[in-house]
Amino acid sequence: MKLITVKRQTKDEKRHTPKMGELLTKVTYIKKHFLSIPYKTLHKYRETYYGEIKDCEACNLAR
């Protein structure tokens, strides 16, 4: 059994961009797990409407 693993998880989230407004997109999180408990997010990115991959720092969460 490995103590530290890296897992990838995709889920739908509402995001807000200045140009498009609110949109629903798939966001992929890459997380480190210690004994199956997530403790650190290494990277998160999203896929745009046109199929491009972008970093999530360019958009804010809609509240």
N, C-alpha and C. Protein backbone atom coordinates (compact mmCIF):
# COMPACT_ATOMS: atom_id res chain seq x y z
N MET A 1 0.84 -1.18 0.00
CA MET A 1 0.00 0.00 0.00
C MET A 1 0.88 1.25 0.00
N LYS A 2 0.57 2.17 -0.89
CA LYS A 2 1.33 3.41 -0.97
C LYS A 2 0.80 4.41 0.06
N LEU A 3 1.71 5.15 0.65
CA LEU A 3 1.30 6.16 1.62
C LEU A 3 0.85 7.45 0.93
N ILE A 4 1.59 7.87 -0.10
CA ILE A 4 1.25 9.11 -0.81
C ILE A 4 0.89 8.77 -2.25
N THR A 5 -0.30 9.21 -2.68
CA THR A 5 -0.76 9.01 -4.05
C THR A 5 -1.20 10.35 -4.64
N VAL A 6 -1.25 10.40 -5.95
CA VAL A 6 -1.73 11.58 -6.67
C VAL A 6 -2.95 11.15 -7.46
N LYS A 7 -4.08 11.85 -7.26
CA LYS A 7 -5.32 11.50 -7.93
C LYS A 7 -5.88 12.70 -8.66
N ARG A 8 -6.60 12.42 -9.72
CA ARG A 8 -7.23 13.44 -10.55
C ARG A 8 -8.75 13.26 -10.45
N GLN A 9 -9.47 14.38 -10.24
CA GLN A 9 -10.92 14.33 -10.10
C GLN A 9 -11.53 15.47 -10.93
N THR A 10 -12.58 15.16 -11.68
CA THR A 10 -13.27 16.16 -12.50
C THR A 10 -14.69 16.34 -11.98
N LYS A 11 -15.09 17.62 -11.83
CA LYS A 11 -16.46 17.91 -11.41
C LYS A 11 -16.93 19.19 -12.08
N ASP A 12 -18.24 19.34 -12.19
CA ASP A 12 -18.84 20.52 -12.81
C ASP A 12 -18.93 21.64 -11.79
N GLU A 13 -18.54 22.85 -12.21
CA GLU A 13 -18.61 24.00 -11.33
C GLU A 13 -19.12 25.21 -12.09
N LYS A 14 -19.73 26.14 -11.37
CA LYS A 14 -20.12 27.42 -11.95
C LYS A 14 -18.93 28.36 -11.83
N ARG A 15 -18.55 28.97 -12.94
CA ARG A 15 -17.44 29.92 -12.98
C ARG A 15 -17.92 31.24 -13.56
N HIS A 16 -17.20 32.29 -13.27
CA HIS A 16 -17.55 33.61 -13.79
C HIS A 16 -16.32 34.20 -14.47
N THR A 17 -16.47 34.60 -15.73
CA THR A 17 -15.41 35.28 -16.46
C THR A 17 -15.91 36.65 -16.87
N PRO A 18 -15.02 37.63 -16.97
CA PRO A 18 -15.47 38.98 -17.33
C PRO A 18 -16.10 39.06 -18.72
N LYS A 19 -15.59 38.29 -19.68
CA LYS A 19 -16.10 38.38 -21.04
C LYS A 19 -17.40 37.61 -21.24
N MET A 20 -17.50 36.39 -20.67
CA MET A 20 -18.66 35.54 -20.93
C MET A 20 -19.70 35.57 -19.83
N GLY A 21 -19.36 36.05 -18.66
CA GLY A 21 -20.29 36.01 -17.54
C GLY A 21 -20.24 34.65 -16.86
N GLU A 22 -21.37 34.19 -16.36
CA GLU A 22 -21.41 32.92 -15.64
C GLU A 22 -21.49 31.75 -16.61
N LEU A 23 -20.69 30.70 -16.35
CA LEU A 23 -20.76 29.52 -17.18
C LEU A 23 -20.55 28.28 -16.34
N LEU A 24 -21.05 27.17 -16.81
CA LEU A 24 -20.90 25.88 -16.15
C LEU A 24 -19.83 25.11 -16.91
N THR A 25 -18.76 24.73 -16.23
CA THR A 25 -17.63 24.09 -16.89
C THR A 25 -17.11 22.94 -16.05
N LYS A 26 -16.39 22.03 -16.68
CA LYS A 26 -15.77 20.92 -15.98
C LYS A 26 -14.39 21.35 -15.50
N VAL A 27 -14.16 21.22 -14.20
CA VAL A 27 -12.89 21.61 -13.60
C VAL A 27 -12.21 20.34 -13.10
N THR A 28 -10.94 20.17 -13.45
CA THR A 28 -10.17 19.00 -13.05
C THR A 28 -9.19 19.41 -11.97
N TYR A 29 -9.22 18.69 -10.85
CA TYR A 29 -8.33 18.93 -9.72
C TYR A 29 -7.31 17.79 -9.66
N ILE A 30 -6.05 18.13 -9.46
CA ILE A 30 -5.00 17.14 -9.23
C ILE A 30 -4.58 17.32 -7.77
N LYS A 31 -4.80 16.29 -6.95
CA LYS A 31 -4.57 16.40 -5.51
C LYS A 31 -3.62 15.31 -5.03
N LYS A 32 -2.87 15.64 -3.96
CA LYS A 32 -2.06 14.66 -3.27
C LYS A 32 -2.89 14.08 -2.14
N HIS A 33 -2.80 12.76 -1.96
CA HIS A 33 -3.53 12.07 -0.90
C HIS A 33 -2.53 11.35 -0.01
N PHE A 34 -2.73 11.45 1.28
CA PHE A 34 -1.94 10.71 2.26
C PHE A 34 -2.88 9.76 2.97
N LEU A 35 -2.70 8.47 2.76
CA LEU A 35 -3.59 7.43 3.30
C LEU A 35 -5.05 7.69 2.91
N SER A 36 -5.27 8.02 1.64
CA SER A 36 -6.59 8.27 1.04
C SER A 36 -7.28 9.52 1.59
N ILE A 37 -6.53 10.41 2.23
CA ILE A 37 -7.08 11.68 2.72
C ILE A 37 -6.41 12.80 1.92
N PRO A 38 -7.20 13.60 1.17
CA PRO A 38 -6.57 14.67 0.39
C PRO A 38 -6.03 15.77 1.30
N TYR A 39 -4.79 16.21 1.01
CA TYR A 39 -4.22 17.25 1.85
C TYR A 39 -3.62 18.41 1.06
N LYS A 40 -3.46 18.29 -0.26
CA LYS A 40 -2.88 19.38 -1.02
C LYS A 40 -3.36 19.33 -2.46
N THR A 41 -3.79 20.49 -2.99
CA THR A 41 -4.16 20.60 -4.39
C THR A 41 -2.94 21.07 -5.17
N LEU A 42 -2.48 20.24 -6.10
CA LEU A 42 -1.31 20.58 -6.88
C LEU A 42 -1.64 21.52 -8.02
N HIS A 43 -2.75 21.25 -8.72
CA HIS A 43 -3.10 22.03 -9.90
C HIS A 43 -4.58 21.87 -10.18
N LYS A 44 -5.19 22.90 -10.74
CA LYS A 44 -6.57 22.78 -11.22
C LYS A 44 -6.68 23.53 -12.54
N TYR A 45 -7.40 22.92 -13.46
CA TYR A 45 -7.57 23.52 -14.78
C TYR A 45 -8.95 23.21 -15.29
N ARG A 46 -9.37 23.93 -16.33
CA ARG A 46 -10.71 23.77 -16.88
C ARG A 46 -10.64 23.69 -18.40
N GLU A 47 -11.66 23.08 -18.97
CA GLU A 47 -11.77 23.00 -20.42
C GLU A 47 -12.79 24.02 -20.89
N THR A 48 -12.44 24.82 -21.91
CA THR A 48 -13.33 25.86 -22.40
C THR A 48 -14.36 25.27 -23.35
N TYR A 49 -15.27 26.13 -23.79
CA TYR A 49 -16.31 25.72 -24.74
C TYR A 49 -15.71 25.24 -26.05
N TYR A 50 -14.57 25.81 -26.42
CA TYR A 50 -13.92 25.46 -27.69
C TYR A 50 -12.92 24.33 -27.56
N GLY A 51 -12.79 23.73 -26.39
CA GLY A 51 -11.89 22.59 -26.19
C GLY A 51 -10.50 22.96 -25.73
N GLU A 52 -10.23 24.24 -25.48
CA GLU A 52 -8.92 24.66 -24.98
C GLU A 52 -8.81 24.35 -23.50
N ILE A 53 -7.59 24.12 -23.03
CA ILE A 53 -7.34 23.88 -21.61
C ILE A 53 -6.76 25.16 -21.03
N LYS A 54 -7.39 25.68 -19.96
CA LYS A 54 -6.94 26.91 -19.32
C LYS A 54 -6.80 26.70 -17.82
N ASP A 55 -5.92 27.50 -17.23
CA ASP A 55 -5.73 27.48 -15.79
C ASP A 55 -6.92 28.17 -15.12
N CYS A 56 -7.27 27.77 -13.93
CA CYS A 56 -8.44 28.33 -13.25
C CYS A 56 -8.15 29.68 -12.61
N GLU A 57 -6.94 30.16 -12.64
CA GLU A 57 -6.63 31.47 -12.06
C GLU A 57 -7.22 32.61 -12.89
N ALA A 58 -7.59 32.36 -14.15
CA ALA A 58 -8.12 33.40 -15.02
C ALA A 58 -9.58 33.74 -14.73
N CYS A 59 -10.27 32.91 -13.95
CA CYS A 59 -11.69 33.16 -13.68
C CYS A 59 -11.95 33.04 -12.18
N ASN A 60 -13.01 33.66 -11.71
CA ASN A 60 -13.38 33.66 -10.30
C ASN A 60 -14.62 32.80 -10.10
N LEU A 61 -14.78 32.31 -8.90
CA LEU A 61 -15.99 31.56 -8.57
C LEU A 61 -17.18 32.53 -8.50
N ALA A 62 -18.30 32.11 -9.06
CA ALA A 62 -19.51 32.92 -8.98
C ALA A 62 -20.15 32.74 -7.61
N ARG A 63 -20.58 33.81 -7.01
CA ARG A 63 -21.22 33.71 -5.69
C ARG A 63 -22.60 34.28 -5.72
